[in-house]
Amino acid sequence: MAKRRKVGNLLALAVLSALAQRPMHPYEIATALRSWGKDQDMDLKWGSFYTVVRNLDKHGLIEAMESVREGRRPERTVYRITEPGRAELIDWARELVSTPMPERPRFRAGLSVLAVLHPDEATDLLRQRLDRLAEQIVADRAALAEHTRQVPRLFLVESEYDLALREAEAAWIRALLAELTSGSYPGLDIWRTVHETGELPPELTALAERGLSTE
């Protein structure tokens, strides 16, 4: 179970990770996070960025070091991570790496309502997805190989994970398509009949009613 944290927004984790490198003012932090691609690794809500920085400061996870002025720009506060902040960063990283948590990708949502599509259309759409996945996999492999020549593998581990997920998804879709196209998928005839007649067979009606039962 995830811990309740003083500042639980994942943007706080990103800010702490940036300040663990060196002290920065908020604009530098945001620039660094974007350049490192952290907005690809986490769902970062940039609109709450300054609120997160203030909350981290409020709870003693970061602290102001000094204020600096560059040319005619407004004065900016430089922050550094505190020892409690570093401990929080490490503890949070340990939790995220060690503890599986439910995640809800959009594809799962689509699969949950797959029955509203005719099986032939579902098959065509899954083929389209598989083609797009194949293109992404080729591009990801090439990008990863190029980056590996420039960056230590440790800093590409999340990209390896993304590639592994896409490859696993593609393999699963291929297996599902094999069942759909061969006709061996359980209940395929009933699925097709529902769409072609517009009538729900008794066994599916009973199943739906059991799902609505409060008993």
C-alpha atoms as a PDB file:
ATOM      1  CA  MET A   1       0.000   0.000   0.000  1.00  0.00           C
ATOM      2  CA  ALA A   2       1.322   3.449  -0.942  1.00  0.00           C
ATOM      3  CA  LYS A   3       2.404   5.677   1.915  1.00  0.00           C
ATOM      4  CA  ARG A   4       0.643   8.940   2.591  1.00  0.00           C
ATOM      5  CA  ARG A   5       3.211  11.626   1.871  1.00  0.00           C
ATOM      6  CA  LYS A   6       3.413  15.251   2.928  1.00  0.00           C
ATOM      7  CA  VAL A   7       3.536  16.261  -0.743  1.00  0.00           C
ATOM      8  CA  GLY A   8       2.171  13.323  -2.729  1.00  0.00           C
ATOM      9  CA  ASN A   9       2.112  14.846  -6.227  1.00  0.00           C
ATOM     10  CA  LEU A  10       4.615  13.023  -8.480  1.00  0.00           C
ATOM     11  CA  LEU A  11       5.833  16.442  -9.551  1.00  0.00           C
ATOM     12  CA  ALA A  12       7.284  16.692  -6.027  1.00  0.00           C
ATOM     13  CA  LEU A  13       9.301  13.536  -6.679  1.00  0.00           C
ATOM     14  CA  ALA A  14      10.623  15.067  -9.891  1.00  0.00           C
ATOM     15  CA  VAL A  15      11.555  18.329  -8.155  1.00  0.00           C
ATOM     16  CA  LEU A  16      13.379  16.456  -5.399  1.00  0.00           C
ATOM     17  CA  SER A  17      15.251  14.397  -7.989  1.00  0.00           C
ATOM     18  CA  ALA A  18      16.372  17.587  -9.743  1.00  0.00           C
ATOM     19  CA  LEU A  19      17.527  19.294  -6.547  1.00  0.00           C
ATOM     20  CA  ALA A  20      19.399  16.135  -5.543  1.00  0.00           C
ATOM     21  CA  GLN A  21      21.746  17.024  -8.425  1.00  0.00           C
ATOM     22  CA  ARG A  22      22.408  20.624  -7.367  1.00  0.00           C
ATOM     23  CA  PRO A  23      20.635  23.724  -6.021  1.00  0.00           C
ATOM     24  CA  MET A  24      18.441  25.495  -8.603  1.00  0.00           C
ATOM     25  CA  HIS A  25      15.756  28.125  -8.853  1.00  0.00           C
ATOM     26  CA  PRO A  26      12.284  26.975  -9.999  1.00  0.00           C
ATOM     27  CA  TYR A  27      12.744  27.979 -13.647  1.00  0.00           C
ATOM     28  CA  GLU A  28      15.975  25.955 -13.789  1.00  0.00           C
ATOM     29  CA  ILE A  29      14.224  22.987 -12.190  1.00  0.00           C
ATOM     30  CA  ALA A  30      11.410  23.011 -14.762  1.00  0.00           C
ATOM     31  CA  THR A  31      13.898  23.397 -17.631  1.00  0.00           C
ATOM     32  CA  ALA A  32      15.998  20.508 -16.337  1.00  0.00           C
ATOM     33  CA  LEU A  33      12.996  18.217 -15.881  1.00  0.00           C
ATOM     34  CA  ARG A  34      11.840  18.888 -19.444  1.00  0.00           C
ATOM     35  CA  SER A  35      15.322  18.379 -20.888  1.00  0.00           C
ATOM     36  CA  TRP A  36      15.645  15.075 -19.016  1.00  0.00           C
ATOM     37  CA  GLY A  37      12.253  13.918 -20.334  1.00  0.00           C
ATOM     38  CA  LYS A  38      10.740  13.556 -16.878  1.00  0.00           C
ATOM     39  CA  ASP A  39       7.359  14.597 -18.282  1.00  0.00           C
ATOM     40  CA  GLN A  40       7.536  11.378 -20.325  1.00  0.00           C
ATOM     41  CA  ASP A  41       8.258   9.297 -17.221  1.00  0.00           C
ATOM     42  CA  MET A  42       5.591  10.818 -14.962  1.00  0.00           C
ATOM     43  CA  ASP A  43       2.221  12.491 -15.346  1.00  0.00           C
ATOM     44  CA  LEU A  44       3.446  15.965 -14.442  1.00  0.00           C
ATOM     45  CA  LYS A  45       0.867  18.722 -13.962  1.00  0.00           C
ATOM     46  CA  TRP A  46       2.903  21.794 -14.805  1.00  0.00           C
ATOM     47  CA  GLY A  47       0.102  24.107 -13.682  1.00  0.00           C
ATOM     48  CA  SER A  48       0.768  23.069 -10.082  1.00  0.00           C
ATOM     49  CA  PHE A  49       4.568  23.366 -10.333  1.00  0.00           C
ATOM     50  CA  TYR A  50       5.016  26.454  -8.142  1.00  0.00           C
ATOM     51  CA  THR A  51       2.467  25.176  -5.620  1.00  0.00           C
ATOM     52  CA  VAL A  52       4.462  21.951  -5.304  1.00  0.00           C
ATOM     53  CA  VAL A  53       7.699  23.894  -4.798  1.00  0.00           C
ATOM     54  CA  ARG A  54       6.061  25.998  -2.073  1.00  0.00           C
ATOM     55  CA  ASN A  55       4.658  22.911  -0.362  1.00  0.00           C
ATOM     56  CA  LEU A  56       8.028  21.150  -0.418  1.00  0.00           C
ATOM     57  CA  ASP A  57       9.531  24.251   1.192  1.00  0.00           C
ATOM     58  CA  LYS A  58       6.689  24.457   3.724  1.00  0.00           C
ATOM     59  CA  HIS A  59       7.260  20.860   4.849  1.00  0.00           C
ATOM     60  CA  GLY A  60      11.036  21.252   5.082  1.00  0.00           C
ATOM     61  CA  LEU A  61      11.876  18.931   2.188  1.00  0.00           C
ATOM     62  CA  ILE A  62      13.644  21.749   0.345  1.00  0.00           C
ATOM     63  CA  GLU A  63      14.876  25.106   1.575  1.00  0.00           C
ATOM     64  CA  ALA A  64      15.765  28.486   0.119  1.00  0.00           C
ATOM     65  CA  MET A  65      19.495  29.198  -0.120  1.00  0.00           C
ATOM     66  CA  GLU A  66      19.634  32.588  -1.726  1.00  0.00           C
ATOM     67  CA  SER A  67      17.955  34.934  -4.163  1.00  0.00           C
ATOM     68  CA  VAL A  68      19.649  35.724  -7.478  1.00  0.00           C
ATOM     69  CA  ARG A  69      18.987  38.214 -10.230  1.00  0.00           C
ATOM     70  CA  GLU A  70      20.074  37.792 -13.855  1.00  0.00           C
ATOM     71  CA  GLY A  71      20.053  41.034 -15.813  1.00  0.00           C
ATOM     72  CA  ARG A  72      16.630  42.642 -15.797  1.00  0.00           C
ATOM     73  CA  ARG A  73      14.841  39.422 -14.863  1.00  0.00           C
ATOM     74  CA  PRO A  74      12.917  39.256 -11.569  1.00  0.00           C
ATOM     75  CA  GLU A  75      14.772  38.003  -8.530  1.00  0.00           C
ATOM     76  CA  ARG A  76      14.659  34.209  -8.245  1.00  0.00           C
ATOM     77  CA  THR A  77      14.955  32.031  -5.165  1.00  0.00           C
ATOM     78  CA  VAL A  78      17.481  29.206  -5.339  1.00  0.00           C
ATOM     79  CA  TYR A  79      16.428  26.050  -3.478  1.00  0.00           C
ATOM     80  CA  ARG A  80      18.375  23.052  -2.260  1.00  0.00           C
ATOM     81  CA  ILE A  81      17.208  19.685  -1.037  1.00  0.00           C
ATOM     82  CA  THR A  82      17.305  19.122   2.742  1.00  0.00           C
ATOM     83  CA  GLU A  83      18.296  15.921   4.515  1.00  0.00           C
ATOM     84  CA  PRO A  84      14.595  15.103   5.196  1.00  0.00           C
ATOM     85  CA  GLY A  85      13.950  15.804   1.514  1.00  0.00           C
ATOM     86  CA  ARG A  86      16.718  13.439   0.427  1.00  0.00           C
ATOM     87  CA  ALA A  87      15.376  10.769   2.776  1.00  0.00           C
ATOM     88  CA  GLU A  88      11.891  11.289   1.302  1.00  0.00           C
ATOM     89  CA  LEU A  89      13.245  10.983  -2.242  1.00  0.00           C
ATOM     90  CA  ILE A  90      15.013   7.718  -1.449  1.00  0.00           C
ATOM     91  CA  ASP A  91      12.055   6.268   0.452  1.00  0.00           C
ATOM     92  CA  TRP A  92       9.657   7.222  -2.380  1.00  0.00           C
ATOM     93  CA  ALA A  93      11.952   5.639  -4.980  1.00  0.00           C
ATOM     94  CA  ARG A  94      12.112   2.446  -2.909  1.00  0.00           C
ATOM     95  CA  GLU A  95       8.322   2.300  -2.721  1.00  0.00           C
ATOM     96  CA  LEU A  96       7.789   2.902  -6.452  1.00  0.00           C
ATOM     97  CA  VAL A  97      10.347   0.270  -7.444  1.00  0.00           C
ATOM     98  CA  SER A  98       9.313  -2.413  -4.942  1.00  0.00           C
ATOM     99  CA  THR A  99       5.524  -2.123  -4.617  1.00  0.00           C
ATOM    100  CA  PRO A 100       3.150  -2.857  -7.526  1.00  0.00           C
ATOM    101  CA  MET A 101       0.203  -0.477  -7.681  1.00  0.00           C
ATOM    102  CA  PRO A 102      -2.904  -0.581  -9.915  1.00  0.00           C
ATOM    103  CA  GLU A 103      -2.391   1.363 -13.141  1.00  0.00           C
ATOM    104  CA  ARG A 104      -5.149   1.921 -15.668  1.00  0.00           C
ATOM    105  CA  PRO A 105      -3.925   2.386 -19.254  1.00  0.00           C
ATOM    106  CA  ARG A 106      -6.399   3.605 -21.891  1.00  0.00           C
ATOM    107  CA  PHE A 107      -6.072   0.340 -23.829  1.00  0.00           C
ATOM    108  CA  ARG A 108      -7.459  -1.531 -20.831  1.00  0.00           C
ATOM    109  CA  ALA A 109     -10.482   0.768 -20.846  1.00  0.00           C
ATOM    110  CA  GLY A 110     -11.039  -0.013 -24.520  1.00  0.00           C
ATOM    111  CA  LEU A 111     -10.753  -3.751 -23.930  1.00  0.00           C
ATOM    112  CA  SER A 112     -13.298  -3.515 -21.118  1.00  0.00           C
ATOM    113  CA  VAL A 113     -15.941  -2.435 -23.673  1.00  0.00           C
ATOM    114  CA  LEU A 114     -14.686  -4.509 -26.615  1.00  0.00           C
ATOM    115  CA  ALA A 115     -18.010  -6.356 -26.747  1.00  0.00           C
ATOM    116  CA  VAL A 116     -19.786  -3.254 -28.124  1.00  0.00           C
ATOM    117  CA  LEU A 117     -17.867  -3.758 -31.381  1.00  0.00           C
ATOM    118  CA  HIS A 118     -18.615  -6.429 -33.951  1.00  0.00           C
ATOM    119  CA  PRO A 119     -15.881  -9.090 -33.700  1.00  0.00           C
ATOM    120  CA  ASP A 120     -14.801  -8.421 -37.297  1.00  0.00           C
ATOM    121  CA  GLU A 121     -14.361  -4.710 -36.566  1.00  0.00           C
ATOM    122  CA  ALA A 122     -12.581  -5.492 -33.298  1.00  0.00           C
ATOM    123  CA  THR A 123     -10.204  -7.736 -35.224  1.00  0.00           C
ATOM    124  CA  ASP A 124      -9.466  -5.018 -37.790  1.00  0.00           C
ATOM    125  CA  LEU A 125      -8.856  -2.428 -35.074  1.00  0.00           C
ATOM    126  CA  LEU A 126      -6.530  -4.746 -33.168  1.00  0.00           C
ATOM    127  CA  ARG A 127      -4.563  -5.304 -36.383  1.00  0.00           C
ATOM    128  CA  GLN A 128      -4.265  -1.534 -36.784  1.00  0.00           C
ATOM    129  CA  ARG A 129      -2.993  -1.220 -33.219  1.00  0.00           C
ATOM    130  CA  LEU A 130      -0.515  -4.035 -33.780  1.00  0.00           C
ATOM    131  CA  ASP A 131       0.837  -2.325 -36.917  1.00  0.00           C
ATOM    132  CA  ARG A 132       1.311   0.938 -35.004  1.00  0.00           C
ATOM    133  CA  LEU A 133       2.930  -0.878 -32.111  1.00  0.00           C
ATOM    134  CA  ALA A 134       5.334  -2.577 -34.520  1.00  0.00           C
ATOM    135  CA  GLU A 135       6.377   0.818 -35.885  1.00  0.00           C
ATOM    136  CA  GLN A 136       6.852   2.185 -32.364  1.00  0.00           C
ATOM    137  CA  ILE A 137       8.905  -0.843 -31.354  1.00  0.00           C
ATOM    138  CA  VAL A 138      11.251  -0.443 -34.316  1.00  0.00           C
ATOM    139  CA  ALA A 139      11.663   3.279 -33.564  1.00  0.00           C
ATOM    140  CA  ASP A 140      12.141   2.644 -29.832  1.00  0.00           C
ATOM    141  CA  ARG A 141      14.799  -0.013 -30.440  1.00  0.00           C
ATOM    142  CA  ALA A 142      16.699   2.313 -32.753  1.00  0.00           C
ATOM    143  CA  ALA A 143      16.465   5.242 -30.322  1.00  0.00           C
ATOM    144  CA  LEU A 144      17.529   3.084 -27.386  1.00  0.00           C
ATOM    145  CA  ALA A 145      20.523   1.727 -29.309  1.00  0.00           C
ATOM    146  CA  GLU A 146      21.566   5.284 -30.225  1.00  0.00           C
ATOM    147  CA  HIS A 147      21.136   6.619 -26.697  1.00  0.00           C
ATOM    148  CA  THR A 148      23.023   3.669 -25.216  1.00  0.00           C
ATOM    149  CA  ARG A 149      26.097   4.803 -27.138  1.00  0.00           C
ATOM    150  CA  GLN A 150      25.858   8.225 -25.481  1.00  0.00           C
ATOM    151  CA  VAL A 151      24.315   7.690 -22.036  1.00  0.00           C
ATOM    152  CA  PRO A 152      24.986   5.054 -19.342  1.00  0.00           C
ATOM    153  CA  ARG A 153      22.367   2.308 -19.440  1.00  0.00           C
ATOM    154  CA  LEU A 154      21.303   3.121 -15.868  1.00  0.00           C
ATOM    155  CA  PHE A 155      19.740   6.356 -17.137  1.00  0.00           C
ATOM    156  CA  LEU A 156      17.805   4.544 -19.870  1.00  0.00           C
ATOM    157  CA  VAL A 157      16.224   1.832 -17.757  1.00  0.00           C
ATOM    158  CA  GLU A 158      12.752   3.435 -17.979  1.00  0.00           C
ATOM    159  CA  SER A 159      13.030   3.408 -21.794  1.00  0.00           C
ATOM    160  CA  GLU A 160      13.910  -0.280 -21.678  1.00  0.00           C
ATOM    161  CA  TYR A 161      10.807  -0.825 -19.550  1.00  0.00           C
ATOM    162  CA  ASP A 162       8.607   1.049 -22.059  1.00  0.00           C
ATOM    163  CA  LEU A 163       9.987  -1.087 -24.894  1.00  0.00           C
ATOM    164  CA  ALA A 164       9.409  -4.299 -22.934  1.00  0.00           C
ATOM    165  CA  LEU A 165       5.785  -3.292 -22.261  1.00  0.00           C
ATOM    166  CA  ARG A 166       5.160  -2.547 -25.949  1.00  0.00           C
ATOM    167  CA  GLU A 167       6.719  -5.872 -26.974  1.00  0.00           C
ATOM    168  CA  ALA A 168       4.617  -7.747 -24.408  1.00  0.00           C
ATOM    169  CA  GLU A 169       1.457  -5.956 -25.575  1.00  0.00           C
ATOM    170  CA  ALA A 170       2.228  -6.769 -29.208  1.00  0.00           C
ATOM    171  CA  ALA A 171       2.756 -10.447 -28.340  1.00  0.00           C
ATOM    172  CA  TRP A 172      -0.562 -10.547 -26.447  1.00  0.00           C
ATOM    173  CA  ILE A 173      -2.458  -8.906 -29.319  1.00  0.00           C
ATOM    174  CA  ARG A 174      -0.936 -11.383 -31.811  1.00  0.00           C
ATOM    175  CA  ALA A 175      -2.142 -14.282 -29.663  1.00  0.00           C
ATOM    176  CA  LEU A 176      -5.632 -12.761 -29.358  1.00  0.00           C
ATOM    177  CA  LEU A 177      -5.826 -12.139 -33.111  1.00  0.00           C
ATOM    178  CA  ALA A 178      -4.799 -15.729 -33.775  1.00  0.00           C
ATOM    179  CA  GLU A 179      -7.790 -16.931 -31.728  1.00  0.00           C
ATOM    180  CA  LEU A 180     -10.199 -14.460 -33.327  1.00  0.00           C
ATOM    181  CA  THR A 181      -9.149 -15.236 -36.893  1.00  0.00           C
ATOM    182  CA  SER A 182      -9.095 -19.015 -36.362  1.00  0.00           C
ATOM    183  CA  GLY A 183     -12.507 -18.965 -34.686  1.00  0.00           C
ATOM    184  CA  SER A 184     -11.150 -20.644 -31.550  1.00  0.00           C
ATOM    185  CA  TYR A 185     -11.880 -17.695 -29.258  1.00  0.00           C
ATOM    186  CA  PRO A 186     -14.450 -18.863 -26.642  1.00  0.00           C
ATOM    187  CA  GLY A 187     -17.899 -17.306 -27.154  1.00  0.00           C
ATOM    188  CA  LEU A 188     -17.016 -15.827 -30.554  1.00  0.00           C
ATOM    189  CA  ASP A 189     -20.201 -17.188 -32.162  1.00  0.00           C
ATOM    190  CA  ILE A 190     -22.377 -15.650 -29.434  1.00  0.00           C
ATOM    191  CA  TRP A 191     -20.538 -12.327 -29.758  1.00  0.00           C
ATOM    192  CA  ARG A 192     -21.119 -12.322 -33.505  1.00  0.00           C
ATOM    193  CA  THR A 193     -24.781 -13.334 -33.159  1.00  0.00           C
ATOM    194  CA  VAL A 194     -25.525 -10.508 -30.726  1.00  0.00           C
ATOM    195  CA  HIS A 195     -24.313  -7.951 -33.252  1.00  0.00           C
ATOM    196  CA  GLU A 196     -26.000  -9.566 -36.220  1.00  0.00           C
ATOM    197  CA  THR A 197     -29.398 -10.137 -34.573  1.00  0.00           C
ATOM    198  CA  GLY A 198     -29.438  -7.380 -31.961  1.00  0.00           C
ATOM    199  CA  GLU A 199     -30.631  -9.888 -29.379  1.00  0.00           C
ATOM    200  CA  LEU A 200     -28.888 -10.902 -26.171  1.00  0.00           C
ATOM    201  CA  PRO A 201     -28.940 -14.685 -25.618  1.00  0.00           C
ATOM    202  CA  PRO A 202     -30.459 -15.948 -22.340  1.00  0.00           C
ATOM    203  CA  GLU A 203     -27.089 -16.936 -20.854  1.00  0.00           C
ATOM    204  CA  LEU A 204     -25.712 -13.421 -21.306  1.00  0.00           C
ATOM    205  CA  THR A 205     -28.923 -11.862 -19.963  1.00  0.00           C
ATOM    206  CA  ALA A 206     -28.630 -14.004 -16.833  1.00  0.00           C
ATOM    207  CA  LEU A 207     -24.957 -13.054 -16.479  1.00  0.00           C
ATOM    208  CA  ALA A 208     -25.808  -9.339 -16.722  1.00  0.00           C
ATOM    209  CA  GLU A 209     -28.546  -9.702 -14.135  1.00  0.00           C
ATOM    210  CA  ARG A 210     -26.190 -11.458 -11.727  1.00  0.00           C
ATOM    211  CA  GLY A 211     -23.747  -8.589 -12.142  1.00  0.00           C
ATOM    212  CA  LEU A 212     -26.472  -6.105 -11.154  1.00  0.00           C
ATOM    213  CA  SER A 213     -27.568  -8.124  -8.160  1.00  0.00           C
ATOM    214  CA  THR A 214     -26.763  -6.655  -4.737  1.00  0.00           C
ATOM    215  CA  GLU A 215     -26.866 -10.036  -3.050  1.00  0.00           C
END
